[in-house]
Amino acid sequence: MRMDLQPDFGLTAQDYIRHRAGFPSELINRLKPYGIGLPGQAVLDLGTGTGSLARLLALAGATVTGIDPAAPLLDQARELDRAAGVQIEYRVGTAESTNCPDQAFDVVSAGQCWHWFDAPRATAEIWRLLRLGGQVVIAHFDWLPLPGNVVSATEELITAFNPTWTMGGGTGLYPRWLTDLACAGFTGIETFSFDLDVRYTPEAWIGRIRASAGVGASLPPEQVTEFSERLGKVLRDSFSGQMLKIPHRTWAVRAIKSD
């Protein structure tokens, strides 16, 4: 599945770096038993954005290259890498056409981005890039709308401002990606998930939503400003004075390039 809406996250790079919670470090602990995120491993991270998943892999000792079509996000990723004390090579490119050499990587990862890809072309490119026995991992870290919670109220407002946005109501689970990988010939497909809460101040939550596909990455600036004001009112009226606890689900699938 490829979304019709193609947002430009470069338009919201500042909010993206300041307010989007990155993948939790626990994800690496869950991946290591599969042999992913090991010291010296050559990893290519597709749709890397500000490098959230790439940085976790680099901190674990892997040698990481990040690919993304939005150059402003890669600039932000480099700043975050300097602060974290890691070095990652970043290139502008797409998952469907990376311009990387054949069989150059032990692992190809994609964090919070597979839904933007042309899956048949992306999986074919990943197959080309992986060494025999190499692995692909697709991961997501999603907020969870529950009845009456702040996420549900926020999604209602996003839809009111942007009726073309169809990504609300998610469960944080992506069975379709398993089919994408199986159709491309990958084997050993396994998934796992775990839940946790992320704490936001009201101001930070507004910034987080501005950095989403349905708002800052697709609406004109004047509408983004109006949306921010309206969301602030919702938070004051219905969630006043609270440190917001936003439920999230981490989900991942791994698969192997075998004979």
C-alpha atoms as a PDB file:
ATOM      1  CA  MET A   1       0.000   0.000   0.000  1.00  0.00           C
ATOM      2  CA  ARG A   2       1.244   3.467  -0.886  1.00  0.00           C
ATOM      3  CA  MET A   3      -0.498   6.538   0.463  1.00  0.00           C
ATOM      4  CA  ASP A   4      -1.883   8.969  -2.126  1.00  0.00           C
ATOM      5  CA  LEU A   5      -0.918  11.899   0.067  1.00  0.00           C
ATOM      6  CA  GLN A   6       2.800  12.608  -0.268  1.00  0.00           C
ATOM      7  CA  PRO A   7       3.765  15.005   2.519  1.00  0.00           C
ATOM      8  CA  ASP A   8       6.932  17.083   2.582  1.00  0.00           C
ATOM      9  CA  PHE A   9       8.404  16.591   6.047  1.00  0.00           C
ATOM     10  CA  GLY A  10      11.129  19.058   5.173  1.00  0.00           C
ATOM     11  CA  LEU A  11       8.480  21.767   5.672  1.00  0.00           C
ATOM     12  CA  THR A  12       8.232  20.847   9.336  1.00  0.00           C
ATOM     13  CA  ALA A  13      11.853  19.945  10.077  1.00  0.00           C
ATOM     14  CA  GLN A  14      12.128  22.144  13.191  1.00  0.00           C
ATOM     15  CA  ASP A  15       9.044  20.668  14.848  1.00  0.00           C
ATOM     16  CA  TYR A  16      10.105  17.219  13.671  1.00  0.00           C
ATOM     17  CA  ILE A  17      13.433  17.376  15.484  1.00  0.00           C
ATOM     18  CA  ARG A  18      12.075  19.054  18.619  1.00  0.00           C
ATOM     19  CA  HIS A  19       8.854  17.195  19.243  1.00  0.00           C
ATOM     20  CA  ARG A  20       8.654  13.813  17.512  1.00  0.00           C
ATOM     21  CA  ALA A  21       9.530  11.088  20.006  1.00  0.00           C
ATOM     22  CA  GLY A  22      12.096   8.765  18.474  1.00  0.00           C
ATOM     23  CA  PHE A  23      12.142   5.002  18.662  1.00  0.00           C
ATOM     24  CA  PRO A  24      12.658   3.745  22.224  1.00  0.00           C
ATOM     25  CA  SER A  25      16.034   2.179  23.023  1.00  0.00           C
ATOM     26  CA  GLU A  26      14.226  -1.015  24.025  1.00  0.00           C
ATOM     27  CA  LEU A  27      13.711  -1.671  20.303  1.00  0.00           C
ATOM     28  CA  ILE A  28      17.415  -2.486  19.880  1.00  0.00           C
ATOM     29  CA  ASN A  29      17.259  -4.922  22.803  1.00  0.00           C
ATOM     30  CA  ARG A  30      14.392  -6.703  21.052  1.00  0.00           C
ATOM     31  CA  LEU A  31      16.229  -6.774  17.697  1.00  0.00           C
ATOM     32  CA  LYS A  32      19.598  -8.084  18.892  1.00  0.00           C
ATOM     33  CA  PRO A  33      18.412 -11.687  19.442  1.00  0.00           C
ATOM     34  CA  TYR A  34      17.594 -11.706  15.709  1.00  0.00           C
ATOM     35  CA  GLY A  35      21.148 -10.616  14.938  1.00  0.00           C
ATOM     36  CA  ILE A  36      20.158  -7.046  14.056  1.00  0.00           C
ATOM     37  CA  GLY A  37      22.060  -4.069  15.454  1.00  0.00           C
ATOM     38  CA  LEU A  38      25.371  -5.817  16.095  1.00  0.00           C
ATOM     39  CA  PRO A  39      28.798  -4.116  16.211  1.00  0.00           C
ATOM     40  CA  GLY A  40      30.359  -3.728  12.784  1.00  0.00           C
ATOM     41  CA  GLN A  41      27.184  -4.640  10.924  1.00  0.00           C
ATOM     42  CA  ALA A  42      26.587  -2.712   7.668  1.00  0.00           C
ATOM     43  CA  VAL A  43      23.104  -1.192   7.857  1.00  0.00           C
ATOM     44  CA  LEU A  44      21.130   0.928   5.401  1.00  0.00           C
ATOM     45  CA  ASP A  45      18.223   2.864   6.944  1.00  0.00           C
ATOM     46  CA  LEU A  46      15.575   3.857   4.397  1.00  0.00           C
ATOM     47  CA  GLY A  47      13.332   6.886   4.946  1.00  0.00           C
ATOM     48  CA  THR A  48      15.661   7.789   7.791  1.00  0.00           C
ATOM     49  CA  GLY A  49      14.172  11.247   8.463  1.00  0.00           C
ATOM     50  CA  THR A  50      16.049  12.754  11.412  1.00  0.00           C
ATOM     51  CA  GLY A  51      17.831   9.440  11.987  1.00  0.00           C
ATOM     52  CA  SER A  52      15.855   8.078  14.929  1.00  0.00           C
ATOM     53  CA  LEU A  53      16.257   4.393  14.030  1.00  0.00           C
ATOM     54  CA  ALA A  54      19.614   4.890  12.324  1.00  0.00           C
ATOM     55  CA  ARG A  55      21.044   6.467  15.480  1.00  0.00           C
ATOM     56  CA  LEU A  56      19.897   3.584  17.684  1.00  0.00           C
ATOM     57  CA  LEU A  57      21.629   1.144  15.362  1.00  0.00           C
ATOM     58  CA  ALA A  58      24.791   3.273  15.259  1.00  0.00           C
ATOM     59  CA  LEU A  59      24.867   3.578  19.047  1.00  0.00           C
ATOM     60  CA  ALA A  60      24.742  -0.226  19.152  1.00  0.00           C
ATOM     61  CA  GLY A  61      27.935  -0.293  17.065  1.00  0.00           C
ATOM     62  CA  ALA A  62      26.614  -0.807  13.541  1.00  0.00           C
ATOM     63  CA  THR A  63      28.007   1.092  10.549  1.00  0.00           C
ATOM     64  CA  VAL A  64      24.952   2.938   9.265  1.00  0.00           C
ATOM     65  CA  THR A  65      23.995   4.783   6.092  1.00  0.00           C
ATOM     66  CA  GLY A  66      20.738   6.755   6.051  1.00  0.00           C
ATOM     67  CA  ILE A  67      18.660   7.566   2.957  1.00  0.00           C
ATOM     68  CA  ASP A  68      15.840  10.126   2.785  1.00  0.00           C
ATOM     69  CA  PRO A  69      14.357  12.375   0.078  1.00  0.00           C
ATOM     70  CA  ALA A  70      14.105  15.397   2.458  1.00  0.00           C
ATOM     71  CA  ALA A  71      17.481  17.119   2.745  1.00  0.00           C
ATOM     72  CA  PRO A  72      16.355  19.415   5.631  1.00  0.00           C
ATOM     73  CA  LEU A  73      15.640  16.350   7.771  1.00  0.00           C
ATOM     74  CA  LEU A  74      19.094  14.967   7.045  1.00  0.00           C
ATOM     75  CA  ASP A  75      20.611  18.259   8.215  1.00  0.00           C
ATOM     76  CA  GLN A  76      18.725  17.854  11.482  1.00  0.00           C
ATOM     77  CA  ALA A  77      19.850  14.227  11.725  1.00  0.00           C
ATOM     78  CA  ARG A  78      23.491  15.292  11.525  1.00  0.00           C
ATOM     79  CA  GLU A  79      22.998  17.724  14.403  1.00  0.00           C
ATOM     80  CA  LEU A  80      21.425  15.000  16.530  1.00  0.00           C
ATOM     81  CA  ASP A  81      24.245  12.610  15.639  1.00  0.00           C
ATOM     82  CA  ARG A  82      26.858  15.106  16.804  1.00  0.00           C
ATOM     83  CA  ALA A  83      25.056  15.472  20.119  1.00  0.00           C
ATOM     84  CA  ALA A  84      24.831  11.672  20.456  1.00  0.00           C
ATOM     85  CA  GLY A  85      28.485  11.137  19.517  1.00  0.00           C
ATOM     86  CA  VAL A  86      27.868   8.900  16.491  1.00  0.00           C
ATOM     87  CA  GLN A  87      28.708   9.155  12.802  1.00  0.00           C
ATOM     88  CA  ILE A  88      26.213   8.154  10.132  1.00  0.00           C
ATOM     89  CA  GLU A  89      26.557   8.711   6.406  1.00  0.00           C
ATOM     90  CA  TYR A  90      23.454  10.385   4.979  1.00  0.00           C
ATOM     91  CA  ARG A  91      22.397  10.595   1.353  1.00  0.00           C
ATOM     92  CA  VAL A  92      19.407  12.100  -0.406  1.00  0.00           C
ATOM     93  CA  GLY A  93      17.501   9.327  -2.136  1.00  0.00           C
ATOM     94  CA  THR A  94      14.452   7.114  -2.099  1.00  0.00           C
ATOM     95  CA  ALA A  95      13.722   3.573  -0.958  1.00  0.00           C
ATOM     96  CA  GLU A  96      12.942   2.589  -4.539  1.00  0.00           C
ATOM     97  CA  SER A  97      16.203   3.949  -5.964  1.00  0.00           C
ATOM     98  CA  THR A  98      19.041   4.257  -3.446  1.00  0.00           C
ATOM     99  CA  ASN A  99      22.010   4.287  -5.855  1.00  0.00           C
ATOM    100  CA  CYS A 100      23.855   2.038  -3.390  1.00  0.00           C
ATOM    101  CA  PRO A 101      25.904  -0.953  -4.640  1.00  0.00           C
ATOM    102  CA  ASP A 102      24.597  -4.515  -4.898  1.00  0.00           C
ATOM    103  CA  GLN A 103      24.794  -6.777  -1.825  1.00  0.00           C
ATOM    104  CA  ALA A 104      26.490  -4.098   0.266  1.00  0.00           C
ATOM    105  CA  PHE A 105      24.498  -4.455   3.494  1.00  0.00           C
ATOM    106  CA  ASP A 106      23.827  -6.965   6.247  1.00  0.00           C
ATOM    107  CA  VAL A 107      20.612  -5.204   7.305  1.00  0.00           C
ATOM    108  CA  VAL A 108      18.199  -2.824   5.594  1.00  0.00           C
ATOM    109  CA  SER A 109      15.827  -1.025   7.968  1.00  0.00           C
ATOM    110  CA  ALA A 110      12.808   1.227   7.507  1.00  0.00           C
ATOM    111  CA  GLY A 111      11.374   3.075  10.481  1.00  0.00           C
ATOM    112  CA  GLN A 112       7.977   4.811  10.422  1.00  0.00           C
ATOM    113  CA  CYS A 113       7.993   5.121   6.661  1.00  0.00           C
ATOM    114  CA  TRP A 114       7.008   1.941   4.806  1.00  0.00           C
ATOM    115  CA  HIS A 115       3.523   3.285   4.064  1.00  0.00           C
ATOM    116  CA  TRP A 116       5.060   6.000   1.874  1.00  0.00           C
ATOM    117  CA  PHE A 117       6.935   3.493  -0.319  1.00  0.00           C
ATOM    118  CA  ASP A 118       6.023   1.731  -3.542  1.00  0.00           C
ATOM    119  CA  ALA A 119       6.270  -1.681  -1.885  1.00  0.00           C
ATOM    120  CA  PRO A 120       7.092  -3.870  -4.920  1.00  0.00           C
ATOM    121  CA  ARG A 121       9.867  -1.517  -6.023  1.00  0.00           C
ATOM    122  CA  ALA A 122      11.174  -0.993  -2.479  1.00  0.00           C
ATOM    123  CA  THR A 123      11.322  -4.713  -1.698  1.00  0.00           C
ATOM    124  CA  ALA A 124      13.085  -5.391  -5.005  1.00  0.00           C
ATOM    125  CA  GLU A 125      15.641  -2.711  -4.148  1.00  0.00           C
ATOM    126  CA  ILE A 126      16.147  -4.157  -0.655  1.00  0.00           C
ATOM    127  CA  TRP A 127      16.687  -7.629  -2.120  1.00  0.00           C
ATOM    128  CA  ARG A 128      19.368  -6.180  -4.408  1.00  0.00           C
ATOM    129  CA  LEU A 129      21.090  -4.370  -1.551  1.00  0.00           C
ATOM    130  CA  LEU A 130      21.211  -7.250   0.947  1.00  0.00           C
ATOM    131  CA  ARG A 131      23.870  -9.914   1.111  1.00  0.00           C
ATOM    132  CA  LEU A 132      22.675 -13.522   1.134  1.00  0.00           C
ATOM    133  CA  GLY A 133      21.388 -14.185   4.653  1.00  0.00           C
ATOM    134  CA  GLY A 134      20.901 -10.465   5.258  1.00  0.00           C
ATOM    135  CA  GLN A 135      17.824  -9.168   7.001  1.00  0.00           C
ATOM    136  CA  VAL A 136      15.212  -6.469   6.507  1.00  0.00           C
ATOM    137  CA  VAL A 137      13.422  -4.885   9.460  1.00  0.00           C
ATOM    138  CA  ILE A 138      10.400  -2.592   9.213  1.00  0.00           C
ATOM    139  CA  ALA A 139       9.506  -0.798  12.451  1.00  0.00           C
ATOM    140  CA  HIS A 140       6.818   1.596  13.636  1.00  0.00           C
ATOM    141  CA  PHE A 141       6.324   3.687  16.762  1.00  0.00           C
ATOM    142  CA  ASP A 142       2.728   4.919  16.746  1.00  0.00           C
ATOM    143  CA  TRP A 143       0.431   6.823  19.059  1.00  0.00           C
ATOM    144  CA  LEU A 144      -2.756   4.931  19.964  1.00  0.00           C
ATOM    145  CA  PRO A 145      -6.199   6.565  19.782  1.00  0.00           C
ATOM    146  CA  LEU A 146      -8.398   5.168  22.558  1.00  0.00           C
ATOM    147  CA  PRO A 147     -11.977   6.245  23.372  1.00  0.00           C
ATOM    148  CA  GLY A 148     -11.905   9.642  25.062  1.00  0.00           C
ATOM    149  CA  ASN A 149      -8.141  10.059  25.098  1.00  0.00           C
ATOM    150  CA  VAL A 150      -6.154  13.021  23.827  1.00  0.00           C
ATOM    151  CA  VAL A 151      -5.002  11.137  20.718  1.00  0.00           C
ATOM    152  CA  SER A 152      -8.581  10.474  19.641  1.00  0.00           C
ATOM    153  CA  ALA A 153      -9.513  14.145  20.131  1.00  0.00           C
ATOM    154  CA  THR A 154      -6.432  15.222  18.201  1.00  0.00           C
ATOM    155  CA  GLU A 155      -7.170  12.915  15.285  1.00  0.00           C
ATOM    156  CA  GLU A 156     -10.705  14.307  15.029  1.00  0.00           C
ATOM    157  CA  LEU A 157      -9.255  17.804  14.710  1.00  0.00           C
ATOM    158  CA  ILE A 158      -6.680  16.742  12.104  1.00  0.00           C
ATOM    159  CA  THR A 159      -9.463  15.234   9.996  1.00  0.00           C
ATOM    160  CA  ALA A 160     -11.545  18.407  10.318  1.00  0.00           C
ATOM    161  CA  PHE A 161      -8.664  20.472   8.931  1.00  0.00           C
ATOM    162  CA  ASN A 162      -7.431  17.918   6.424  1.00  0.00           C
ATOM    163  CA  PRO A 163     -10.154  15.539   5.149  1.00  0.00           C
ATOM    164  CA  THR A 164      -7.618  13.881   2.831  1.00  0.00           C
ATOM    165  CA  TRP A 165      -5.741  12.575   5.863  1.00  0.00           C
ATOM    166  CA  THR A 166      -6.735   8.930   6.295  1.00  0.00           C
ATOM    167  CA  MET A 167      -4.156   7.681   8.781  1.00  0.00           C
ATOM    168  CA  GLY A 168      -6.212   8.005  11.965  1.00  0.00           C
ATOM    169  CA  GLY A 169      -7.654   5.194  14.041  1.00  0.00           C
ATOM    170  CA  GLY A 170      -4.547   3.050  13.837  1.00  0.00           C
ATOM    171  CA  THR A 171      -3.694   0.065  16.007  1.00  0.00           C
ATOM    172  CA  GLY A 172       0.072   0.227  15.486  1.00  0.00           C
ATOM    173  CA  LEU A 173      -0.014  -3.180  13.745  1.00  0.00           C
ATOM    174  CA  TYR A 174       0.806  -3.663  10.041  1.00  0.00           C
ATOM    175  CA  PRO A 175      -0.003  -7.159   8.718  1.00  0.00           C
ATOM    176  CA  ARG A 176       0.134  -5.921   5.116  1.00  0.00           C
ATOM    177  CA  TRP A 177       3.894  -5.400   5.389  1.00  0.00           C
ATOM    178  CA  LEU A 178       4.308  -9.158   6.003  1.00  0.00           C
ATOM    179  CA  THR A 179       2.620  -9.813   2.681  1.00  0.00           C
ATOM    180  CA  ASP A 180       4.863  -7.254   0.975  1.00  0.00           C
ATOM    181  CA  LEU A 181       7.948  -9.101   2.218  1.00  0.00           C
ATOM    182  CA  ALA A 182       6.639 -12.590   1.463  1.00  0.00           C
ATOM    183  CA  CYS A 183       5.685 -11.612  -2.093  1.00  0.00           C
ATOM    184  CA  ALA A 184       9.244 -10.392  -2.640  1.00  0.00           C
ATOM    185  CA  GLY A 185      10.693 -13.774  -1.621  1.00  0.00           C
ATOM    186  CA  PHE A 186      11.815 -13.005   1.930  1.00  0.00           C
ATOM    187  CA  THR A 187      11.545 -15.815   4.479  1.00  0.00           C
ATOM    188  CA  GLY A 188      11.767 -16.265   8.266  1.00  0.00           C
ATOM    189  CA  ILE A 189       9.190 -13.530   8.760  1.00  0.00           C
ATOM    190  CA  GLU A 190       8.570 -12.722  12.433  1.00  0.00           C
ATOM    191  CA  THR A 191       6.944  -9.829  14.294  1.00  0.00           C
ATOM    192  CA  PHE A 192       6.899  -8.434  17.811  1.00  0.00           C
ATOM    193  CA  SER A 193       5.361  -5.449  19.590  1.00  0.00           C
ATOM    194  CA  PHE A 194       5.382  -3.696  22.955  1.00  0.00           C
ATOM    195  CA  ASP A 195       3.540  -0.690  24.400  1.00  0.00           C
ATOM    196  CA  LEU A 196       4.693   2.292  26.444  1.00  0.00           C
ATOM    197  CA  ASP A 197       3.573   5.820  27.349  1.00  0.00           C
ATOM    198  CA  VAL A 198       5.352   8.960  26.137  1.00  0.00           C
ATOM    199  CA  ARG A 199       4.887  12.098  28.255  1.00  0.00           C
ATOM    200  CA  TYR A 200       4.278  15.436  26.536  1.00  0.00           C
ATOM    201  CA  THR A 201       3.572  18.907  27.805  1.00  0.00           C
ATOM    202  CA  PRO A 202       0.566  20.442  25.988  1.00  0.00           C
ATOM    203  CA  GLU A 203       2.931  22.711  24.051  1.00  0.00           C
ATOM    204  CA  ALA A 204       5.122  19.791  23.014  1.00  0.00           C
ATOM    205  CA  TRP A 205       2.093  17.762  21.915  1.00  0.00           C
ATOM    206  CA  ILE A 206       0.951  20.628  19.675  1.00  0.00           C
ATOM    207  CA  GLY A 207       4.454  20.695  18.174  1.00  0.00           C
ATOM    208  CA  ARG A 208       4.383  16.941  17.710  1.00  0.00           C
ATOM    209  CA  ILE A 209       1.137  17.153  15.767  1.00  0.00           C
ATOM    210  CA  ARG A 210       2.423  20.015  13.634  1.00  0.00           C
ATOM    211  CA  ALA A 211       5.246  17.624  12.649  1.00  0.00           C
ATOM    212  CA  SER A 212       2.787  15.017  11.364  1.00  0.00           C
ATOM    213  CA  ALA A 213       1.865  14.145   7.788  1.00  0.00           C
ATOM    214  CA  GLY A 214      -1.658  15.516   8.086  1.00  0.00           C
ATOM    215  CA  VAL A 215      -0.689  18.951   9.432  1.00  0.00           C
ATOM    216  CA  GLY A 216       2.703  20.659   9.030  1.00  0.00           C
ATOM    217  CA  ALA A 217       3.877  18.418   6.208  1.00  0.00           C
ATOM    218  CA  SER A 218       0.816  19.041   4.024  1.00  0.00           C
ATOM    219  CA  LEU A 219      -1.236  22.090   5.095  1.00  0.00           C
ATOM    220  CA  PRO A 220      -0.399  25.703   4.160  1.00  0.00           C
ATOM    221  CA  PRO A 221       1.251  27.753   6.939  1.00  0.00           C
ATOM    222  CA  GLU A 222      -1.845  29.797   7.805  1.00  0.00           C
ATOM    223  CA  GLN A 223      -3.862  26.624   8.354  1.00  0.00           C
ATOM    224  CA  VAL A 224      -1.086  25.106  10.456  1.00  0.00           C
ATOM    225  CA  THR A 225      -1.230  28.202  12.685  1.00  0.00           C
ATOM    226  CA  GLU A 226      -5.001  27.987  12.992  1.00  0.00           C
ATOM    227  CA  PHE A 227      -4.800  24.265  13.723  1.00  0.00           C
ATOM    228  CA  SER A 228      -2.259  24.854  16.501  1.00  0.00           C
ATOM    229  CA  GLU A 229      -4.565  27.417  18.118  1.00  0.00           C
ATOM    230  CA  ARG A 230      -7.565  25.081  17.895  1.00  0.00           C
ATOM    231  CA  LEU A 231      -5.650  22.136  19.337  1.00  0.00           C
ATOM    232  CA  GLY A 232      -4.458  24.340  22.185  1.00  0.00           C
ATOM    233  CA  LYS A 233      -8.088  25.148  22.991  1.00  0.00           C
ATOM    234  CA  VAL A 234      -9.024  21.451  22.951  1.00  0.00           C
ATOM    235  CA  LEU A 235      -6.222  20.695  25.392  1.00  0.00           C
ATOM    236  CA  ARG A 236      -7.180  23.580  27.698  1.00  0.00           C
ATOM    237  CA  ASP A 237     -10.877  22.687  27.650  1.00  0.00           C
ATOM    238  CA  SER A 238     -10.649  18.902  27.987  1.00  0.00           C
ATOM    239  CA  PHE A 239      -7.164  18.060  29.289  1.00  0.00           C
ATOM    240  CA  SER A 240      -6.321  21.184  31.289  1.00  0.00           C
ATOM    241  CA  GLY A 241      -3.189  21.252  33.412  1.00  0.00           C
ATOM    242  CA  GLN A 242      -2.205  17.725  32.585  1.00  0.00           C
ATOM    243  CA  MET A 243       1.152  16.319  31.632  1.00  0.00           C
ATOM    244  CA  LEU A 244      -0.162  14.282  28.747  1.00  0.00           C
ATOM    245  CA  LYS A 245       0.521  10.543  28.769  1.00  0.00           C
ATOM    246  CA  ILE A 246       0.343   9.419  25.151  1.00  0.00           C
ATOM    247  CA  PRO A 247       0.083   5.641  24.669  1.00  0.00           C
ATOM    248  CA  HIS A 248       2.366   4.307  21.937  1.00  0.00           C
ATOM    249  CA  ARG A 249       2.975   0.917  20.370  1.00  0.00           C
ATOM    250  CA  THR A 250       6.304  -0.228  18.964  1.00  0.00           C
ATOM    251  CA  TRP A 251       5.886  -2.891  16.278  1.00  0.00           C
ATOM    252  CA  ALA A 252       8.462  -4.518  14.043  1.00  0.00           C
ATOM    253  CA  VAL A 253       8.753  -7.241  11.421  1.00  0.00           C
ATOM    254  CA  ARG A 254      12.011  -8.866  10.316  1.00  0.00           C
ATOM    255  CA  ALA A 255      12.645 -11.141   7.355  1.00  0.00           C
ATOM    256  CA  ILE A 256      15.617 -12.870   5.739  1.00  0.00           C
ATOM    257  CA  LYS A 257      17.052 -12.918   2.233  1.00  0.00           C
ATOM    258  CA  SER A 258      17.596 -16.657   1.805  1.00  0.00           C
ATOM    259  CA  ASP A 259      18.302 -18.975  -1.128  1.00  0.00           C
END
